[in-house]
Amino acid sequence: MTLPGVGRKTANVVLGNAFGVPGITVDTHFGRLVRRWRLTEETDPDKVEAAIAELIPRKDWTMLSHHLIWHGRRRCHAKRPACGACPVAR
């Protein structure tokens, strides 16, 4: 995060994918889904990250981020979620 233009989200992506250091990448989709599933009520990305870190084993953080971001972009849209048919929500 000491590089210009690199924030916590980008740092977690790079560390997790390039160096195998687990990190939780909280973007709009990730935050929306974890709030929808009532895993946290936090809206600040740093607080969302901390809340989810307490619930999920560290080794799973990077892939959890990828899965939830993909799910939020491609399947679980903000305006028309299909919660009854959701394969992830369970």
Protein backbone atom coordinates (compact mmCIF):
# COMPACT_ATOMS: atom_id res chain seq x y z
CA MET A 1 0.00 0.00 0.00
CA THR A 2 3.04 2.26 0.06
CA LEU A 3 3.08 2.45 -3.75
CA PRO A 4 1.20 5.37 -5.32
CA GLY A 5 -2.35 4.42 -6.29
CA VAL A 6 -2.29 1.08 -4.47
CA GLY A 7 -4.86 0.73 -1.74
CA ARG A 8 -5.84 -2.13 0.47
CA LYS A 9 -8.02 -3.82 -2.16
CA THR A 10 -5.30 -3.88 -4.82
CA ALA A 11 -2.67 -4.89 -2.29
CA ASN A 12 -4.76 -7.88 -1.17
CA VAL A 13 -5.31 -8.99 -4.77
CA VAL A 14 -1.60 -8.82 -5.62
CA LEU A 15 -0.44 -10.44 -2.39
CA GLY A 16 -2.99 -13.24 -2.64
CA ASN A 17 -2.50 -14.07 -6.31
CA ALA A 18 1.17 -13.35 -6.90
CA PHE A 19 2.67 -14.22 -3.53
CA GLY A 20 0.22 -16.61 -1.87
CA VAL A 21 -0.41 -14.28 1.08
CA PRO A 22 -4.11 -14.62 1.96
CA GLY A 23 -6.16 -11.46 1.87
CA ILE A 24 -9.78 -10.41 1.70
CA THR A 25 -10.58 -8.14 -1.23
CA VAL A 26 -13.62 -6.06 -0.37
CA ASP A 27 -15.18 -4.43 -3.40
CA THR A 28 -18.77 -3.31 -4.01
CA HIS A 29 -19.97 -6.83 -4.82
CA PHE A 30 -18.23 -8.51 -1.89
CA GLY A 31 -19.59 -5.97 0.58
CA ARG A 32 -23.10 -6.16 -0.84
CA LEU A 33 -23.21 -9.95 -0.63
CA VAL A 34 -21.85 -10.32 2.90
CA ARG A 35 -24.39 -7.73 4.07
CA ARG A 36 -27.18 -9.45 2.15
CA TRP A 37 -26.25 -12.73 3.83
CA ARG A 38 -26.08 -10.95 7.20
CA LEU A 39 -22.47 -11.90 7.83
CA THR A 40 -21.85 -8.28 8.82
CA GLU A 41 -23.68 -4.97 8.91
CA GLU A 42 -20.49 -2.98 8.32
CA THR A 43 -20.24 -0.74 5.26
CA ASP A 44 -16.65 0.48 5.61
CA PRO A 45 -14.42 -1.90 3.57
CA ASP A 46 -11.77 -2.13 6.31
CA LYS A 47 -14.41 -3.07 8.87
CA VAL A 48 -16.04 -5.55 6.47
CA GLU A 49 -12.63 -7.15 5.94
CA ALA A 50 -12.04 -7.43 9.70
CA ALA A 51 -15.51 -8.88 10.34
CA ILE A 52 -15.21 -11.53 7.64
CA ALA A 53 -11.66 -12.39 8.70
CA GLU A 54 -13.08 -13.50 12.05
CA LEU A 55 -15.53 -15.89 10.35
CA ILE A 56 -13.47 -17.49 7.57
CA PRO A 57 -10.21 -19.44 7.89
CA ARG A 58 -7.22 -17.39 6.67
CA LYS A 59 -6.24 -19.96 4.03
CA ASP A 60 -9.60 -19.37 2.26
CA TRP A 61 -9.57 -15.56 2.14
CA THR A 62 -8.21 -15.07 -1.39
CA MET A 63 -10.47 -17.59 -3.09
CA LEU A 64 -13.49 -16.46 -1.06
CA SER A 65 -12.91 -12.96 -2.43
CA HIS A 66 -12.71 -14.23 -6.01
CA HIS A 67 -15.84 -16.35 -5.66
CA LEU A 68 -17.97 -13.66 -4.06
CA ILE A 69 -16.85 -10.94 -6.47
CA TRP A 70 -17.60 -13.20 -9.46
CA HIS A 71 -20.94 -14.21 -7.95
CA GLY A 72 -21.87 -10.58 -7.32
CA ARG A 73 -20.93 -9.53 -10.85
CA ARG A 74 -22.44 -12.41 -12.79
CA ARG A 75 -25.27 -13.96 -10.80
CA CYS A 76 -26.41 -12.02 -7.75
CA HIS A 77 -27.24 -8.60 -9.08
CA ALA A 78 -28.04 -5.75 -6.74
CA LYS A 79 -31.50 -5.00 -8.10
CA ARG A 80 -32.74 -8.51 -8.90
CA PRO A 81 -31.20 -11.20 -6.72
CA ALA A 82 -32.46 -14.76 -7.06
CA CYS A 83 -31.88 -15.76 -3.45
CA GLY A 84 -34.20 -18.77 -3.63
CA ALA A 85 -32.10 -20.33 -6.40
CA CYS A 86 -28.72 -19.23 -5.05
CA PRO A 87 -26.07 -22.00 -4.92
CA VAL A 88 -23.80 -19.93 -2.64
CA ALA A 89 -26.08 -18.43 0.01
CA ARG A 90 -26.56 -21.74 1.84
